[in-house]
Amino acid sequence: MLWGPVAIAPVMKRPWTVQILLPLVILVLLAVSCDRLLRNLRGEPDQATVQPIDDTTPPPEDVVAPQTLDLTESGQTLTHDPTGIAITLPESWANATGLHETAELQAADVSNDLYLIVVSEEAPILRRSGLPENAAQYRALLKDQLAAFERESPTGVDFINGEIASQYEIRGQLADGTPVVYLHTTVVTSARYYQIVGWAPPEQFEAYRSELQNITSTFREISS
């Protein structure tokens, strides 16, 4: 395959995936340990692990908080119990770890080079600005970490499950020239700001754009 061999569980990150994960570390301004940040900047991120649906292995100690994947009538529901948020995943997806330092939800379809995370933030300072301003700052952090930013374009999505949202496609290149496309969505609720970020190489993004958008559209707060 173009992007290297696929392993189901555990999976070694492919070179292009590792480079994509590094800019995601600063998507939100949350505190992370200096030691782990330095390891990431040196190109030594934690190894991602994608687990099968029925895996009961406890998450590693460095996972921020537990997420659970359950089969429901509508599909697979990936839930982060401490924050009470959830998304619905297609059958080909699995829960993942190691994609981002502080993400509450992490998922991947490794066989198709598709990845997605959800990051939340409760910083009071965010309330001083509106959604457009904060979403633009989030996207700027991501774009600044690309070796070459090409363009961004709005998708026209303004609401996610009744909550106000801002969604853009961001295209660029990694340090080695590898192209990548992000689907970046900012959602604001009465409780928090959320970033939902899906990504893939361009040809996979074109083939699975609607799937990434559909997963994003299932994001909801089941409690707050």
C-alpha atoms as a PDB file:
ATOM      1  CA  MET A   1       0.000   0.000   0.000  1.00  0.00           C
ATOM      2  CA  LEU A   2       1.092   3.585  -0.614  1.00  0.00           C
ATOM      3  CA  TRP A   3       1.121   4.488   3.046  1.00  0.00           C
ATOM      4  CA  GLY A   4       2.846   1.376   4.326  1.00  0.00           C
ATOM      5  CA  PRO A   5       1.694  -1.873   5.963  1.00  0.00           C
ATOM      6  CA  VAL A   6      -1.430  -1.904   8.092  1.00  0.00           C
ATOM      7  CA  ALA A   7      -1.514  -3.523  11.528  1.00  0.00           C
ATOM      8  CA  ILE A   8      -4.836  -3.828  13.307  1.00  0.00           C
ATOM      9  CA  ALA A   9      -3.869  -3.936  16.988  1.00  0.00           C
ATOM     10  CA  PRO A  10      -1.485  -2.575  17.933  1.00  0.00           C
ATOM     11  CA  VAL A  11      -0.664  -0.314  14.998  1.00  0.00           C
ATOM     12  CA  MET A  12       2.575   1.540  14.416  1.00  0.00           C
ATOM     13  CA  LYS A  13       2.031   5.077  13.229  1.00  0.00           C
ATOM     14  CA  ARG A  14       2.958   5.593   9.622  1.00  0.00           C
ATOM     15  CA  PRO A  15       5.509   8.377   8.934  1.00  0.00           C
ATOM     16  CA  TRP A  16       2.913  10.780   7.524  1.00  0.00           C
ATOM     17  CA  THR A  17       0.602  10.127  10.464  1.00  0.00           C
ATOM     18  CA  VAL A  18       3.319  10.913  13.024  1.00  0.00           C
ATOM     19  CA  GLN A  19       3.993  14.267  11.402  1.00  0.00           C
ATOM     20  CA  ILE A  20       0.294  15.138  11.365  1.00  0.00           C
ATOM     21  CA  LEU A  21      -0.066  14.356  15.045  1.00  0.00           C
ATOM     22  CA  LEU A  22       2.646  16.805  16.092  1.00  0.00           C
ATOM     23  CA  PRO A  23       0.759  19.975  15.066  1.00  0.00           C
ATOM     24  CA  LEU A  24      -2.385  18.636  16.730  1.00  0.00           C
ATOM     25  CA  VAL A  25      -0.596  18.785  20.103  1.00  0.00           C
ATOM     26  CA  ILE A  26      -1.096  22.569  20.268  1.00  0.00           C
ATOM     27  CA  LEU A  27      -4.674  22.743  19.014  1.00  0.00           C
ATOM     28  CA  VAL A  28      -5.721  23.985  22.472  1.00  0.00           C
ATOM     29  CA  LEU A  29      -3.695  25.859  25.067  1.00  0.00           C
ATOM     30  CA  LEU A  30      -3.885  23.261  27.802  1.00  0.00           C
ATOM     31  CA  ALA A  31      -1.039  22.409  30.166  1.00  0.00           C
ATOM     32  CA  VAL A  32       1.095  19.428  29.156  1.00  0.00           C
ATOM     33  CA  SER A  33       4.296  18.248  30.746  1.00  0.00           C
ATOM     34  CA  CYS A  34       7.498  19.775  29.385  1.00  0.00           C
ATOM     35  CA  ASP A  35       9.136  16.369  29.105  1.00  0.00           C
ATOM     36  CA  ARG A  36       6.419  14.947  26.830  1.00  0.00           C
ATOM     37  CA  LEU A  37       6.284  18.125  24.750  1.00  0.00           C
ATOM     38  CA  LEU A  38      10.032  17.998  24.179  1.00  0.00           C
ATOM     39  CA  ARG A  39       9.792  14.338  23.157  1.00  0.00           C
ATOM     40  CA  ASN A  40       7.154  15.229  20.584  1.00  0.00           C
ATOM     41  CA  LEU A  41       9.194  18.107  19.192  1.00  0.00           C
ATOM     42  CA  ARG A  42      12.143  15.743  18.823  1.00  0.00           C
ATOM     43  CA  GLY A  43       9.944  13.456  16.764  1.00  0.00           C
ATOM     44  CA  GLU A  44       9.370  10.881  19.497  1.00  0.00           C
ATOM     45  CA  PRO A  45       5.569  10.873  20.019  1.00  0.00           C
ATOM     46  CA  ASP A  46       3.802   8.085  21.872  1.00  0.00           C
ATOM     47  CA  GLN A  47       2.892   5.135  19.689  1.00  0.00           C
ATOM     48  CA  ALA A  48      -0.751   5.102  18.672  1.00  0.00           C
ATOM     49  CA  THR A  49      -2.753   2.039  19.541  1.00  0.00           C
ATOM     50  CA  VAL A  50      -5.971   1.181  17.761  1.00  0.00           C
ATOM     51  CA  GLN A  51      -8.031  -1.374  19.642  1.00  0.00           C
ATOM     52  CA  PRO A  52     -10.767  -3.696  18.363  1.00  0.00           C
ATOM     53  CA  ILE A  53     -14.358  -3.157  19.428  1.00  0.00           C
ATOM     54  CA  ASP A  54     -14.394  -5.968  21.969  1.00  0.00           C
ATOM     55  CA  ASP A  55     -11.015  -5.118  23.504  1.00  0.00           C
ATOM     56  CA  THR A  56     -11.198  -4.965  27.300  1.00  0.00           C
ATOM     57  CA  THR A  57      -7.552  -4.026  27.874  1.00  0.00           C
ATOM     58  CA  PRO A  58      -7.303  -1.019  30.231  1.00  0.00           C
ATOM     59  CA  PRO A  59      -6.025   2.161  28.554  1.00  0.00           C
ATOM     60  CA  PRO A  60      -2.385   3.087  29.170  1.00  0.00           C
ATOM     61  CA  GLU A  61      -1.590   5.337  32.102  1.00  0.00           C
ATOM     62  CA  ASP A  62      -0.801   8.337  29.910  1.00  0.00           C
ATOM     63  CA  VAL A  63      -4.299   8.488  28.430  1.00  0.00           C
ATOM     64  CA  VAL A  64      -5.977  11.670  29.677  1.00  0.00           C
ATOM     65  CA  ALA A  65      -9.246  10.008  30.654  1.00  0.00           C
ATOM     66  CA  PRO A  66     -11.159   6.846  29.673  1.00  0.00           C
ATOM     67  CA  GLN A  67     -13.252   6.529  26.561  1.00  0.00           C
ATOM     68  CA  THR A  68     -15.572   3.619  25.930  1.00  0.00           C
ATOM     69  CA  LEU A  69     -16.840   2.102  22.682  1.00  0.00           C
ATOM     70  CA  ASP A  70     -20.237   0.394  22.776  1.00  0.00           C
ATOM     71  CA  LEU A  71     -22.420  -1.189  20.122  1.00  0.00           C
ATOM     72  CA  THR A  72     -25.851   0.424  19.869  1.00  0.00           C
ATOM     73  CA  GLU A  73     -28.766   0.298  17.461  1.00  0.00           C
ATOM     74  CA  SER A  74     -27.389   3.332  15.613  1.00  0.00           C
ATOM     75  CA  GLY A  75     -23.825   1.974  15.375  1.00  0.00           C
ATOM     76  CA  GLN A  76     -20.746   2.227  17.559  1.00  0.00           C
ATOM     77  CA  THR A  77     -20.927   4.918  20.214  1.00  0.00           C
ATOM     78  CA  LEU A  78     -17.620   6.289  21.456  1.00  0.00           C
ATOM     79  CA  THR A  79     -18.121   8.061  24.781  1.00  0.00           C
ATOM     80  CA  HIS A  80     -15.913  10.047  27.125  1.00  0.00           C
ATOM     81  CA  ASP A  81     -17.583   9.572  30.478  1.00  0.00           C
ATOM     82  CA  PRO A  82     -15.924  12.383  32.498  1.00  0.00           C
ATOM     83  CA  THR A  83     -17.085  15.111  30.091  1.00  0.00           C
ATOM     84  CA  GLY A  84     -20.234  13.326  28.915  1.00  0.00           C
ATOM     85  CA  ILE A  85     -19.582  13.638  25.174  1.00  0.00           C
ATOM     86  CA  ALA A  86     -20.012  11.060  22.429  1.00  0.00           C
ATOM     87  CA  ILE A  87     -19.747  10.393  18.697  1.00  0.00           C
ATOM     88  CA  THR A  88     -21.093   7.570  16.536  1.00  0.00           C
ATOM     89  CA  LEU A  89     -18.623   5.612  14.406  1.00  0.00           C
ATOM     90  CA  PRO A  90     -19.024   3.340  11.354  1.00  0.00           C
ATOM     91  CA  GLU A  91     -18.185  -0.348  11.775  1.00  0.00           C
ATOM     92  CA  SER A  92     -14.726   0.035  10.208  1.00  0.00           C
ATOM     93  CA  TRP A  93     -13.617   2.476  12.919  1.00  0.00           C
ATOM     94  CA  ALA A  94     -12.133   1.702  16.338  1.00  0.00           C
ATOM     95  CA  ASN A  95     -11.199   3.654  19.425  1.00  0.00           C
ATOM     96  CA  ALA A  96      -7.572   4.794  19.484  1.00  0.00           C
ATOM     97  CA  THR A  97      -4.967   6.236  21.844  1.00  0.00           C
ATOM     98  CA  GLY A  98      -1.890   8.383  21.317  1.00  0.00           C
ATOM     99  CA  LEU A  99      -3.299  10.634  18.581  1.00  0.00           C
ATOM    100  CA  HIS A 100      -3.237  13.765  20.755  1.00  0.00           C
ATOM    101  CA  GLU A 101      -1.960  14.704  24.207  1.00  0.00           C
ATOM    102  CA  THR A 102      -5.257  15.975  25.627  1.00  0.00           C
ATOM    103  CA  ALA A 103      -8.048  14.688  23.376  1.00  0.00           C
ATOM    104  CA  GLU A 104     -11.129  13.349  25.120  1.00  0.00           C
ATOM    105  CA  LEU A 105     -12.128  11.170  22.152  1.00  0.00           C
ATOM    106  CA  GLN A 106      -9.776   9.481  19.685  1.00  0.00           C
ATOM    107  CA  ALA A 107     -10.779   7.175  16.846  1.00  0.00           C
ATOM    108  CA  ALA A 108      -9.295   5.730  13.664  1.00  0.00           C
ATOM    109  CA  ASP A 109     -10.018   3.656  10.600  1.00  0.00           C
ATOM    110  CA  VAL A 110      -6.429   2.541  10.092  1.00  0.00           C
ATOM    111  CA  SER A 111      -7.081   0.504   6.955  1.00  0.00           C
ATOM    112  CA  ASN A 112      -8.332   3.640   5.193  1.00  0.00           C
ATOM    113  CA  ASP A 113      -5.907   6.167   6.725  1.00  0.00           C
ATOM    114  CA  LEU A 114      -8.691   8.072   8.522  1.00  0.00           C
ATOM    115  CA  TYR A 115      -8.287   9.645  11.966  1.00  0.00           C
ATOM    116  CA  LEU A 116     -10.423  11.808  14.225  1.00  0.00           C
ATOM    117  CA  ILE A 117     -10.135  13.420  17.659  1.00  0.00           C
ATOM    118  CA  VAL A 118     -12.316  15.603  19.891  1.00  0.00           C
ATOM    119  CA  VAL A 119     -10.683  18.139  22.218  1.00  0.00           C
ATOM    120  CA  SER A 120     -12.569  20.251  24.755  1.00  0.00           C
ATOM    121  CA  GLU A 121     -11.693  23.494  26.508  1.00  0.00           C
ATOM    122  CA  GLU A 122     -13.408  25.370  29.313  1.00  0.00           C
ATOM    123  CA  ALA A 123     -11.108  28.399  29.519  1.00  0.00           C
ATOM    124  CA  PRO A 124     -13.200  31.406  30.680  1.00  0.00           C
ATOM    125  CA  ILE A 125     -11.212  33.711  28.402  1.00  0.00           C
ATOM    126  CA  LEU A 126     -12.884  32.078  25.408  1.00  0.00           C
ATOM    127  CA  ARG A 127     -16.178  33.662  26.452  1.00  0.00           C
ATOM    128  CA  ARG A 128     -14.723  37.116  25.772  1.00  0.00           C
ATOM    129  CA  SER A 129     -14.823  36.402  22.032  1.00  0.00           C
ATOM    130  CA  GLY A 130     -17.375  34.794  19.777  1.00  0.00           C
ATOM    131  CA  LEU A 131     -17.273  31.525  17.890  1.00  0.00           C
ATOM    132  CA  PRO A 132     -15.836  33.006  14.648  1.00  0.00           C
ATOM    133  CA  GLU A 133     -12.881  34.559  16.477  1.00  0.00           C
ATOM    134  CA  ASN A 134     -12.078  31.511  18.585  1.00  0.00           C
ATOM    135  CA  ALA A 135     -12.496  29.108  15.664  1.00  0.00           C
ATOM    136  CA  ALA A 136     -10.130  31.241  13.585  1.00  0.00           C
ATOM    137  CA  GLN A 137      -7.526  31.127  16.370  1.00  0.00           C
ATOM    138  CA  TYR A 138      -7.802  27.349  16.619  1.00  0.00           C
ATOM    139  CA  ARG A 139      -7.332  26.981  12.869  1.00  0.00           C
ATOM    140  CA  ALA A 140      -4.398  29.377  12.928  1.00  0.00           C
ATOM    141  CA  LEU A 141      -2.608  27.206  15.485  1.00  0.00           C
ATOM    142  CA  LEU A 142      -3.031  24.208  13.229  1.00  0.00           C
ATOM    143  CA  LYS A 143      -2.013  26.013  10.032  1.00  0.00           C
ATOM    144  CA  ASP A 144       1.094  27.479  11.651  1.00  0.00           C
ATOM    145  CA  GLN A 145       2.394  23.975  12.301  1.00  0.00           C
ATOM    146  CA  LEU A 146       2.221  22.928   8.650  1.00  0.00           C
ATOM    147  CA  ALA A 147       5.416  23.178   6.648  1.00  0.00           C
ATOM    148  CA  ALA A 148       3.354  24.570   3.782  1.00  0.00           C
ATOM    149  CA  PHE A 149      -0.186  25.856   4.178  1.00  0.00           C
ATOM    150  CA  GLU A 150      -2.126  25.717   0.909  1.00  0.00           C
ATOM    151  CA  ARG A 151      -5.663  26.878   1.609  1.00  0.00           C
ATOM    152  CA  GLU A 152      -8.692  26.622   3.832  1.00  0.00           C
ATOM    153  CA  SER A 153     -12.322  26.657   2.800  1.00  0.00           C
ATOM    154  CA  PRO A 154     -15.600  26.696   4.754  1.00  0.00           C
ATOM    155  CA  THR A 155     -17.913  23.730   4.302  1.00  0.00           C
ATOM    156  CA  GLY A 156     -21.129  25.606   5.053  1.00  0.00           C
ATOM    157  CA  VAL A 157     -21.788  23.627   8.243  1.00  0.00           C
ATOM    158  CA  ASP A 158     -23.058  26.063  10.890  1.00  0.00           C
ATOM    159  CA  PHE A 159     -24.697  23.692  13.380  1.00  0.00           C
ATOM    160  CA  ILE A 160     -23.796  20.305  14.888  1.00  0.00           C
ATOM    161  CA  ASN A 161     -26.744  18.636  16.656  1.00  0.00           C
ATOM    162  CA  GLY A 162     -28.339  22.021  17.285  1.00  0.00           C
ATOM    163  CA  GLU A 163     -25.148  23.645  18.614  1.00  0.00           C
ATOM    164  CA  ILE A 164     -23.462  26.528  16.788  1.00  0.00           C
ATOM    165  CA  ALA A 165     -20.440  25.371  14.812  1.00  0.00           C
ATOM    166  CA  SER A 166     -17.778  26.490  12.353  1.00  0.00           C
ATOM    167  CA  GLN A 167     -16.285  23.942   9.939  1.00  0.00           C
ATOM    168  CA  TYR A 168     -13.391  24.290   7.499  1.00  0.00           C
ATOM    169  CA  GLU A 169     -11.241  22.075   5.314  1.00  0.00           C
ATOM    170  CA  ILE A 170      -7.550  22.867   5.732  1.00  0.00           C
ATOM    171  CA  ARG A 171      -5.014  21.675   3.165  1.00  0.00           C
ATOM    172  CA  GLY A 172      -1.266  21.751   3.390  1.00  0.00           C
ATOM    173  CA  GLN A 173       1.961  19.817   3.444  1.00  0.00           C
ATOM    174  CA  LEU A 174       3.999  18.233   6.196  1.00  0.00           C
ATOM    175  CA  ALA A 175       7.715  18.755   6.762  1.00  0.00           C
ATOM    176  CA  ASP A 176       8.651  16.098   4.198  1.00  0.00           C
ATOM    177  CA  GLY A 177       6.265  17.494   1.590  1.00  0.00           C
ATOM    178  CA  THR A 178       3.534  14.922   2.229  1.00  0.00           C
ATOM    179  CA  PRO A 179       0.082  16.451   1.592  1.00  0.00           C
ATOM    180  CA  VAL A 180      -2.684  16.246   4.183  1.00  0.00           C
ATOM    181  CA  VAL A 181      -6.259  17.476   4.563  1.00  0.00           C
ATOM    182  CA  TYR A 182      -7.949  18.305   7.878  1.00  0.00           C
ATOM    183  CA  LEU A 183     -11.670  18.642   8.528  1.00  0.00           C
ATOM    184  CA  HIS A 184     -11.647  21.081  11.441  1.00  0.00           C
ATOM    185  CA  THR A 185     -14.882  21.814  13.289  1.00  0.00           C
ATOM    186  CA  THR A 186     -15.308  24.137  16.268  1.00  0.00           C
ATOM    187  CA  VAL A 187     -18.474  23.662  18.323  1.00  0.00           C
ATOM    188  CA  VAL A 188     -19.575  25.872  21.217  1.00  0.00           C
ATOM    189  CA  THR A 189     -22.119  24.778  23.831  1.00  0.00           C
ATOM    190  CA  SER A 190     -23.213  26.243  27.142  1.00  0.00           C
ATOM    191  CA  ALA A 191     -20.530  24.120  28.821  1.00  0.00           C
ATOM    192  CA  ARG A 192     -17.437  24.187  26.604  1.00  0.00           C
ATOM    193  CA  TYR A 193     -15.703  24.817  23.326  1.00  0.00           C
ATOM    194  CA  TYR A 194     -14.910  21.695  21.320  1.00  0.00           C
ATOM    195  CA  GLN A 195     -12.657  20.971  18.399  1.00  0.00           C
ATOM    196  CA  ILE A 196     -13.494  17.974  16.234  1.00  0.00           C
ATOM    197  CA  VAL A 197     -10.621  17.256  13.870  1.00  0.00           C
ATOM    198  CA  GLY A 198     -10.595  14.544  11.218  1.00  0.00           C
ATOM    199  CA  TRP A 199      -7.724  14.067   8.781  1.00  0.00           C
ATOM    200  CA  ALA A 200      -6.457  11.933   5.921  1.00  0.00           C
ATOM    201  CA  PRO A 201      -4.183  12.071   2.873  1.00  0.00           C
ATOM    202  CA  PRO A 202      -5.911  13.984   0.050  1.00  0.00           C
ATOM    203  CA  GLU A 203      -7.042  11.022  -2.046  1.00  0.00           C
ATOM    204  CA  GLN A 204      -8.541   9.334   1.000  1.00  0.00           C
ATOM    205  CA  PHE A 205     -10.133  12.557   2.150  1.00  0.00           C
ATOM    206  CA  GLU A 206     -11.886  12.966  -1.200  1.00  0.00           C
ATOM    207  CA  ALA A 207     -13.176   9.393  -1.011  1.00  0.00           C
ATOM    208  CA  TYR A 208     -14.277   9.622   2.632  1.00  0.00           C
ATOM    209  CA  ARG A 209     -15.201  13.289   3.045  1.00  0.00           C
ATOM    210  CA  SER A 210     -18.875  12.512   3.631  1.00  0.00           C
ATOM    211  CA  GLU A 211     -17.988   9.826   6.185  1.00  0.00           C
ATOM    212  CA  LEU A 212     -15.822  12.233   8.186  1.00  0.00           C
ATOM    213  CA  GLN A 213     -18.573  14.849   8.018  1.00  0.00           C
ATOM    214  CA  ASN A 214     -21.199  12.316   9.091  1.00  0.00           C
ATOM    215  CA  ILE A 215     -19.124  11.241  12.090  1.00  0.00           C
ATOM    216  CA  THR A 216     -18.607  14.873  13.042  1.00  0.00           C
ATOM    217  CA  SER A 217     -22.347  15.533  12.790  1.00  0.00           C
ATOM    218  CA  THR A 218     -23.011  12.873  15.449  1.00  0.00           C
ATOM    219  CA  PHE A 219     -21.033  14.732  18.110  1.00  0.00           C
ATOM    220  CA  ARG A 220     -23.198  15.502  21.154  1.00  0.00           C
ATOM    221  CA  GLU A 221     -23.085  16.241  24.850  1.00  0.00           C
ATOM    222  CA  ILE A 222     -25.008  13.460  26.556  1.00  0.00           C
ATOM    223  CA  SER A 223     -24.459  15.150  29.920  1.00  0.00           C
ATOM    224  CA  SER A 224     -22.688  18.248  31.143  1.00  0.00           C
END
